[in-house]
Amino acid sequence: MDLSFFLVVLLVVAVLAILLVLLSRGRAATEMLDEQLATPPAAEDDPELRAEDTAQMLEADNRNRAKHGEAQISATEADVQVKREEAEAEELPEREAQYAEQLDESLARDNMDPNEAERSVDEGARQAAEERLRSDR
């Protein structure tokens, strides 16, 4: 009976030790995620920080590429990529405005009286024909 009691106690201690290790790892991972979420994405607002982040990512990518024997990306290629992303970011509000306008027009057409919709289509066809005539002259 003493041996079985000792084995049960040993088993309970082992299970508690394993649980303690798992909880501490989970807590560390949670703290790391909390820190990442707490830091504001300042690089999105500041062009200098964005350029610095891009340079760091480029270095890390080149190290990874070097490990695998792939061609490395030059800084000029990274600059071109950053400029392309900035241009896309600048075009985004304009595109969103166009989509909103198209959506408003589509909703207006959907809510139109059938006779009014037919007149609108006829008017659009008439305007297109007039434009073709003007361009032919």
N, C-alpha and C. Protein backbone atom coordinates (compact mmCIF):
# COMPACT_ATOMS: atom_id res chain seq x y z
N MET A 1 0.81 -1.18 0.00
CA MET A 1 0.00 0.00 0.00
C MET A 1 0.86 1.25 0.00
N ASP A 2 1.98 1.21 0.65
CA ASP A 2 2.85 2.37 0.67
C ASP A 2 3.42 2.67 -0.71
N LEU A 3 3.73 1.63 -1.48
CA LEU A 3 4.29 1.81 -2.81
C LEU A 3 3.24 2.39 -3.76
N SER A 4 2.02 1.92 -3.72
CA SER A 4 0.97 2.43 -4.60
C SER A 4 0.64 3.89 -4.25
N PHE A 5 0.63 4.20 -2.97
CA PHE A 5 0.39 5.59 -2.55
C PHE A 5 1.50 6.50 -3.06
N PHE A 6 2.73 6.04 -2.97
CA PHE A 6 3.88 6.79 -3.45
C PHE A 6 3.79 7.01 -4.97
N LEU A 7 3.38 5.99 -5.72
CA LEU A 7 3.25 6.11 -7.18
C LEU A 7 2.13 7.08 -7.56
N VAL A 8 1.03 7.05 -6.83
CA VAL A 8 -0.08 7.97 -7.10
C VAL A 8 0.36 9.41 -6.84
N VAL A 9 1.06 9.63 -5.74
CA VAL A 9 1.55 10.97 -5.41
C VAL A 9 2.54 11.44 -6.48
N LEU A 10 3.42 10.54 -6.91
CA LEU A 10 4.40 10.87 -7.94
C LEU A 10 3.70 11.21 -9.26
N LEU A 11 2.67 10.47 -9.62
CA LEU A 11 1.91 10.73 -10.83
C LEU A 11 1.21 12.09 -10.75
N VAL A 12 0.61 12.41 -9.61
CA VAL A 12 -0.07 13.69 -9.43
C VAL A 12 0.93 14.83 -9.54
N VAL A 13 2.11 14.69 -8.97
CA VAL A 13 3.13 15.73 -9.03
C VAL A 13 3.60 15.92 -10.48
N ALA A 14 3.76 14.82 -11.21
CA ALA A 14 4.20 14.90 -12.60
C ALA A 14 3.15 15.62 -13.45
N VAL A 15 1.89 15.29 -13.25
CA VAL A 15 0.81 15.94 -14.00
C VAL A 15 0.77 17.43 -13.67
N LEU A 16 0.91 17.78 -12.42
CA LEU A 16 0.91 19.19 -12.02
C LEU A 16 2.10 19.93 -12.63
N ALA A 17 3.25 19.28 -12.68
CA ALA A 17 4.44 19.92 -13.27
C ALA A 17 4.22 20.16 -14.76
N ILE A 18 3.64 19.20 -15.45
CA ILE A 18 3.36 19.36 -16.88
C ILE A 18 2.37 20.49 -17.10
N LEU A 19 1.33 20.54 -16.30
CA LEU A 19 0.34 21.62 -16.43
C LEU A 19 0.97 22.98 -16.16
N LEU A 20 1.84 23.06 -15.19
CA LEU A 20 2.53 24.31 -14.87
C LEU A 20 3.37 24.78 -16.04
N VAL A 21 4.10 23.86 -16.66
CA VAL A 21 4.93 24.21 -17.82
C VAL A 21 4.05 24.70 -18.98
N LEU A 22 2.97 23.99 -19.25
CA LEU A 22 2.07 24.39 -20.34
C LEU A 22 1.44 25.76 -20.08
N LEU A 23 1.04 26.00 -18.84
CA LEU A 23 0.44 27.30 -18.51
C LEU A 23 1.45 28.43 -18.65
N SER A 24 2.68 28.20 -18.23
CA SER A 24 3.68 29.26 -18.33
C SER A 24 4.00 29.57 -19.79
N ARG A 25 4.05 28.54 -20.63
CA ARG A 25 4.29 28.78 -22.06
C ARG A 25 3.11 29.52 -22.68
N GLY A 26 1.92 29.15 -22.32
CA GLY A 26 0.73 29.83 -22.84
C GLY A 26 0.68 31.28 -22.39
N ARG A 27 1.07 31.53 -21.14
CA ARG A 27 1.08 32.89 -20.62
C ARG A 27 2.13 33.72 -21.36
N ALA A 28 3.30 33.15 -21.61
CA ALA A 28 4.35 33.87 -22.34
C ALA A 28 3.90 34.19 -23.76
N ALA A 29 3.25 33.25 -24.40
CA ALA A 29 2.76 33.50 -25.76
C ALA A 29 1.68 34.57 -25.75
N THR A 30 0.82 34.55 -24.75
CA THR A 30 -0.24 35.55 -24.64
C THR A 30 0.35 36.93 -24.40
N GLU A 31 1.35 37.02 -23.55
CA GLU A 31 2.00 38.31 -23.29
C GLU A 31 2.67 38.84 -24.55
N MET A 32 3.29 37.96 -25.32
CA MET A 32 3.95 38.39 -26.55
C MET A 32 2.91 38.93 -27.54
N LEU A 33 1.78 38.24 -27.66
CA LEU A 33 0.72 38.72 -28.55
C LEU A 33 0.14 40.04 -28.07
N ASP A 34 -0.03 40.17 -26.76
CA ASP A 34 -0.53 41.42 -26.21
C ASP A 34 0.40 42.58 -26.52
N GLU A 35 1.72 42.35 -26.43
CA GLU A 35 2.68 43.39 -26.74
C GLU A 35 2.61 43.78 -28.21
N GLN A 36 2.46 42.78 -29.07
CA GLN A 36 2.38 43.07 -30.50
C GLN A 36 1.11 43.85 -30.82
N LEU A 37 0.03 43.51 -30.17
CA LEU A 37 -1.23 44.20 -30.43
C LEU A 37 -1.25 45.59 -29.82
N ALA A 38 -0.51 45.78 -28.74
CA ALA A 38 -0.50 47.06 -28.05
C ALA A 38 0.33 48.10 -28.79
N THR A 39 1.32 47.68 -29.55
CA THR A 39 2.15 48.64 -30.27
C THR A 39 1.39 49.14 -31.48
N PRO A 40 1.28 50.45 -31.62
CA PRO A 40 0.53 50.99 -32.76
C PRO A 40 1.30 50.80 -34.06
N PRO A 41 0.59 50.61 -35.13
CA PRO A 41 1.26 50.45 -36.42
C PRO A 41 1.74 51.80 -36.94
N ALA A 42 2.76 52.34 -36.30
CA ALA A 42 3.27 53.67 -36.64
C ALA A 42 3.87 53.70 -38.03
N ALA A 43 4.33 52.57 -38.52
CA ALA A 43 4.97 52.54 -39.83
C ALA A 43 3.98 52.90 -40.93
N GLU A 44 2.71 52.66 -40.71
CA GLU A 44 1.72 53.00 -41.72
C GLU A 44 1.55 54.51 -41.84
N ASP A 45 1.78 55.23 -40.73
CA ASP A 45 1.58 56.67 -40.73
C ASP A 45 2.84 57.45 -41.08
N ASP A 46 3.99 56.93 -40.75
CA ASP A 46 5.25 57.63 -40.92
C ASP A 46 6.05 57.03 -42.06
N PRO A 47 6.31 57.80 -43.12
CA PRO A 47 7.06 57.25 -44.26
C PRO A 47 8.47 56.78 -43.90
N GLU A 48 9.11 57.47 -42.94
CA GLU A 48 10.46 57.06 -42.55
C GLU A 48 10.44 55.70 -41.86
N LEU A 49 9.47 55.50 -40.97
CA LEU A 49 9.36 54.21 -40.30
C LEU A 49 8.97 53.12 -41.29
N ARG A 50 8.12 53.47 -42.24
CA ARG A 50 7.72 52.49 -43.26
C ARG A 50 8.93 52.08 -44.09
N ALA A 51 9.78 53.06 -44.45
CA ALA A 51 10.98 52.76 -45.23
C ALA A 51 11.94 51.90 -44.41
N GLU A 52 12.05 52.20 -43.11
CA GLU A 52 12.92 51.41 -42.24
C GLU A 52 12.40 49.98 -42.10
N ASP A 53 11.08 49.83 -41.93
CA ASP A 53 10.49 48.50 -41.85
C ASP A 53 10.68 47.73 -43.15
N THR A 54 10.54 48.43 -44.26
CA THR A 54 10.74 47.79 -45.56
C THR A 54 12.17 47.33 -45.70
N ALA A 55 13.12 48.17 -45.26
CA ALA A 55 14.53 47.79 -45.35
C ALA A 55 14.81 46.56 -44.48
N GLN A 56 14.24 46.53 -43.28
CA GLN A 56 14.44 45.37 -42.41
C GLN A 56 13.82 44.11 -43.01
N MET A 57 12.63 44.24 -43.59
CA MET A 57 12.00 43.08 -44.22
C MET A 57 12.82 42.63 -45.43
N LEU A 58 13.39 43.59 -46.16
CA LEU A 58 14.20 43.25 -47.32
C LEU A 58 15.45 42.49 -46.89
N GLU A 59 16.09 42.95 -45.81
CA GLU A 59 17.27 42.25 -45.30
C GLU A 59 16.92 40.83 -44.87
N ALA A 60 15.83 40.68 -44.15
CA ALA A 60 15.41 39.35 -43.70
C ALA A 60 15.07 38.46 -44.88
N ASP A 61 14.39 39.03 -45.88
CA ASP A 61 14.04 38.25 -47.06
C ASP A 61 15.29 37.83 -47.82
N ASN A 62 16.26 38.74 -47.92
CA ASN A 62 17.49 38.40 -48.63
C ASN A 62 18.29 37.33 -47.88
N ARG A 63 18.28 37.39 -46.54
CA ARG A 63 18.96 36.34 -45.77
C ARG A 63 18.30 34.99 -46.03
N ASN A 64 16.97 35.00 -46.04
CA ASN A 64 16.22 33.77 -46.30
C ASN A 64 16.49 33.27 -47.71
N ARG A 65 16.53 34.18 -48.68
CA ARG A 65 16.81 33.79 -50.06
C ARG A 65 18.23 33.24 -50.19
N ALA A 66 19.16 33.84 -49.46
CA ALA A 66 20.55 33.37 -49.53
C ALA A 66 20.66 31.95 -48.98
N LYS A 67 19.90 31.66 -47.96
CA LYS A 67 19.91 30.31 -47.39
C LYS A 67 19.45 29.28 -48.41
N HIS A 68 18.50 29.68 -49.23
CA HIS A 68 17.92 28.74 -50.19
C HIS A 68 18.53 28.88 -51.58
N GLY A 69 19.54 29.73 -51.73
CA GLY A 69 20.24 29.86 -53.00
C GLY A 69 19.46 30.61 -54.05
N GLU A 70 18.50 31.45 -53.66
CA GLU A 70 17.71 32.21 -54.63
C GLU A 70 18.35 33.59 -54.84
N ALA A 71 17.96 34.24 -55.91
CA ALA A 71 18.46 35.58 -56.20
C ALA A 71 17.94 36.57 -55.16
N GLN A 72 18.80 37.50 -54.79
CA GLN A 72 18.40 38.48 -53.79
C GLN A 72 17.76 39.68 -54.45
N ILE A 73 16.93 40.37 -53.69
CA ILE A 73 16.23 41.55 -54.19
C ILE A 73 17.09 42.78 -53.88
N SER A 74 17.22 43.64 -54.86
CA SER A 74 18.01 44.85 -54.63
C SER A 74 17.16 45.90 -53.94
N ALA A 75 17.85 46.92 -53.41
CA ALA A 75 17.15 48.00 -52.72
C ALA A 75 16.30 48.80 -53.69
N THR A 76 16.75 48.93 -54.94
CA THR A 76 15.94 49.68 -55.91
C THR A 76 14.64 48.94 -56.22
N GLU A 77 14.69 47.62 -56.30
CA GLU A 77 13.47 46.87 -56.52
C GLU A 77 12.52 47.06 -55.34
N ALA A 78 13.08 47.10 -54.14
CA ALA A 78 12.25 47.32 -52.95
C ALA A 78 11.65 48.72 -52.98
N ASP A 79 12.44 49.73 -53.43
CA ASP A 79 11.91 51.09 -53.53
C ASP A 79 10.77 51.15 -54.53
N VAL A 80 10.93 50.46 -55.66
CA VAL A 80 9.87 50.43 -56.67
C VAL A 80 8.62 49.80 -56.08
N GLN A 81 8.80 48.74 -55.32
CA GLN A 81 7.65 48.07 -54.71
C GLN A 81 6.96 49.00 -53.70
N VAL A 82 7.75 49.72 -52.90
CA VAL A 82 7.17 50.63 -51.91
C VAL A 82 6.40 51.75 -52.63
N LYS A 83 6.99 52.29 -53.71
CA LYS A 83 6.31 53.36 -54.45
C LYS A 83 5.02 52.86 -55.08
N ARG A 84 5.05 51.63 -55.57
CA ARG A 84 3.84 51.05 -56.16
C ARG A 84 2.76 50.92 -55.08
N GLU A 85 3.14 50.47 -53.89
CA GLU A 85 2.17 50.33 -52.80
C GLU A 85 1.63 51.68 -52.38
N GLU A 86 2.50 52.72 -52.37
CA GLU A 86 2.03 54.05 -52.01
C GLU A 86 1.05 54.58 -53.05
N ALA A 87 1.35 54.34 -54.33
CA ALA A 87 0.45 54.79 -55.39
C ALA A 87 -0.91 54.10 -55.28
N GLU A 88 -0.89 52.81 -54.98
CA GLU A 88 -2.14 52.09 -54.81
C GLU A 88 -2.91 52.62 -53.61
N ALA A 89 -2.19 52.98 -52.54
CA ALA A 89 -2.85 53.51 -51.35
C ALA A 89 -3.47 54.88 -51.65
N GLU A 90 -2.82 55.67 -52.51
CA GLU A 90 -3.38 56.97 -52.87
C GLU A 90 -4.60 56.82 -53.77
N GLU A 91 -4.61 55.81 -54.62
CA GLU A 91 -5.73 55.59 -55.53
C GLU A 91 -6.94 54.99 -54.82
N LEU A 92 -6.72 54.39 -53.69
CA LEU A 92 -7.80 53.69 -53.00
C LEU A 92 -9.00 54.59 -52.68
N PRO A 93 -8.82 55.77 -52.08
CA PRO A 93 -10.01 56.60 -51.79
C PRO A 93 -10.76 57.00 -53.06
N GLU A 94 -10.00 57.25 -54.15
CA GLU A 94 -10.65 57.61 -55.41
C GLU A 94 -11.49 56.45 -55.94
N ARG A 95 -10.90 55.24 -55.88
CA ARG A 95 -11.64 54.07 -56.34
C ARG A 95 -12.86 53.82 -55.47
N GLU A 96 -12.71 54.00 -54.16
CA GLU A 96 -13.84 53.80 -53.27
C GLU A 96 -14.96 54.79 -53.59
N ALA A 97 -14.59 56.03 -53.91
CA ALA A 97 -15.60 57.04 -54.25
C ALA A 97 -16.31 56.64 -55.55
N GLN A 98 -15.55 56.13 -56.53
CA GLN A 98 -16.18 55.69 -57.78
C GLN A 98 -17.15 54.53 -57.52
N TYR A 99 -16.72 53.58 -56.70
CA TYR A 99 -17.59 52.45 -56.39
C TYR A 99 -18.84 52.91 -55.66
N ALA A 100 -18.68 53.85 -54.75
CA ALA A 100 -19.84 54.36 -54.02
C ALA A 100 -20.81 55.06 -54.97
N GLU A 101 -20.25 55.82 -55.91
CA GLU A 101 -21.09 56.51 -56.88
C GLU A 101 -21.83 55.51 -57.76
N GLN A 102 -21.11 54.48 -58.23
CA GLN A 102 -21.75 53.45 -59.05
C GLN A 102 -22.84 52.72 -58.27
N LEU A 103 -22.56 52.46 -56.99
CA LEU A 103 -23.56 51.80 -56.16
C LEU A 103 -24.79 52.67 -55.99
N ASP A 104 -24.57 53.97 -55.76
CA ASP A 104 -25.71 54.88 -55.64
C ASP A 104 -26.55 54.91 -56.92
N GLU A 105 -25.85 54.95 -58.07
CA GLU A 105 -26.57 54.95 -59.35
C GLU A 105 -27.35 53.65 -59.54
N SER A 106 -26.71 52.55 -59.17
CA SER A 106 -27.37 51.25 -59.31
C SER A 106 -28.59 51.16 -58.41
N LEU A 107 -28.46 51.65 -57.18
CA LEU A 107 -29.60 51.64 -56.27
C LEU A 107 -30.71 52.55 -56.76
N ALA A 108 -30.31 53.68 -57.34
CA ALA A 108 -31.32 54.60 -57.87
C ALA A 108 -32.06 53.95 -59.03
N ARG A 109 -31.33 53.23 -59.91
CA ARG A 109 -31.99 52.54 -61.03
C ARG A 109 -32.92 51.45 -60.52
N ASP A 110 -32.48 50.74 -59.47
CA ASP A 110 -33.31 49.66 -58.93
C ASP A 110 -34.62 50.19 -58.34
N ASN A 111 -34.57 51.40 -57.81
CA ASN A 111 -35.75 52.00 -57.19
C ASN A 111 -36.58 52.82 -58.17
N MET A 112 -36.15 52.87 -59.44
CA MET A 112 -36.83 53.67 -60.46
C MET A 112 -38.14 53.04 -60.89
N ASP A 113 -39.02 53.89 -61.31
CA ASP A 113 -40.26 53.46 -61.96
C ASP A 113 -39.88 52.83 -63.30
N PRO A 114 -40.51 51.73 -63.71
CA PRO A 114 -40.15 51.08 -64.98
C PRO A 114 -40.17 52.04 -66.18
N ASN A 115 -41.16 52.94 -66.24
CA ASN A 115 -41.22 53.90 -67.34
C ASN A 115 -40.03 54.85 -67.29
N GLU A 116 -39.68 55.28 -66.09
CA GLU A 116 -38.54 56.18 -65.92
C GLU A 116 -37.24 55.47 -66.29
N ALA A 117 -37.13 54.20 -65.94
CA ALA A 117 -35.94 53.43 -66.29
C ALA A 117 -35.81 53.31 -67.80
N GLU A 118 -36.93 53.08 -68.49
CA GLU A 118 -36.90 52.98 -69.95
C GLU A 118 -36.49 54.31 -70.57
N ARG A 119 -37.02 55.42 -70.03
CA ARG A 119 -36.62 56.74 -70.52
C ARG A 119 -35.13 56.99 -70.29
N SER A 120 -34.62 56.52 -69.15
CA SER A 120 -33.20 56.70 -68.84
C SER A 120 -32.33 55.92 -69.81
N VAL A 121 -32.74 54.70 -70.13
CA VAL A 121 -32.01 53.88 -71.09
C VAL A 121 -32.05 54.53 -72.46
N ASP A 122 -33.25 55.03 -72.87
CA ASP A 122 -33.39 55.69 -74.16
C ASP A 122 -32.51 56.94 -74.22
N GLU A 123 -32.48 57.69 -73.11
CA GLU A 123 -31.66 58.90 -73.06
C GLU A 123 -30.17 58.56 -73.15
N GLY A 124 -29.77 57.50 -72.48
CA GLY A 124 -28.38 57.06 -72.56
C GLY A 124 -28.00 56.62 -73.95
N ALA A 125 -28.89 55.91 -74.63
CA ALA A 125 -28.63 55.48 -76.00
C ALA A 125 -28.56 56.69 -76.93
N ARG A 126 -29.44 57.67 -76.71
CA ARG A 126 -29.43 58.89 -77.53
C ARG A 126 -28.13 59.65 -77.34
N GLN A 127 -27.67 59.77 -76.09
CA GLN A 127 -26.42 60.49 -75.81
C GLN A 127 -25.23 59.75 -76.44
N ALA A 128 -25.24 58.43 -76.39
CA ALA A 128 -24.16 57.66 -77.00
C ALA A 128 -24.15 57.86 -78.51
N ALA A 129 -25.33 57.88 -79.13
CA ALA A 129 -25.41 58.09 -80.57
C ALA A 129 -24.91 59.48 -80.93
N GLU A 130 -25.29 60.49 -80.14
CA GLU A 130 -24.82 61.86 -80.39
C GLU A 130 -23.30 61.95 -80.28
N GLU A 131 -22.74 61.28 -79.29
CA GLU A 131 -21.28 61.29 -79.13
C GLU A 131 -20.60 60.63 -80.31
N ARG A 132 -21.17 59.54 -80.81
CA ARG A 132 -20.60 58.87 -81.99
C ARG A 132 -20.65 59.80 -83.21
N LEU A 133 -21.76 60.53 -83.36
CA LEU A 133 -21.87 61.46 -84.48
C LEU A 133 -20.83 62.58 -84.37
N ARG A 134 -20.65 63.09 -83.15
CA ARG A 134 -19.65 64.15 -82.94
C ARG A 134 -18.24 63.65 -83.23
N SER A 135 -17.95 62.41 -82.81
CA SER A 135 -16.60 61.88 -83.04
C SER A 135 -16.36 61.56 -84.51
N ASP A 136 -17.44 61.26 -85.26
CA ASP A 136 -17.29 60.98 -86.69
C ASP A 136 -17.01 62.25 -87.48
N ARG A 137 -17.48 63.37 -86.99
CA ARG A 137 -17.29 64.65 -87.71
C ARG A 137 -15.93 65.14 -87.52
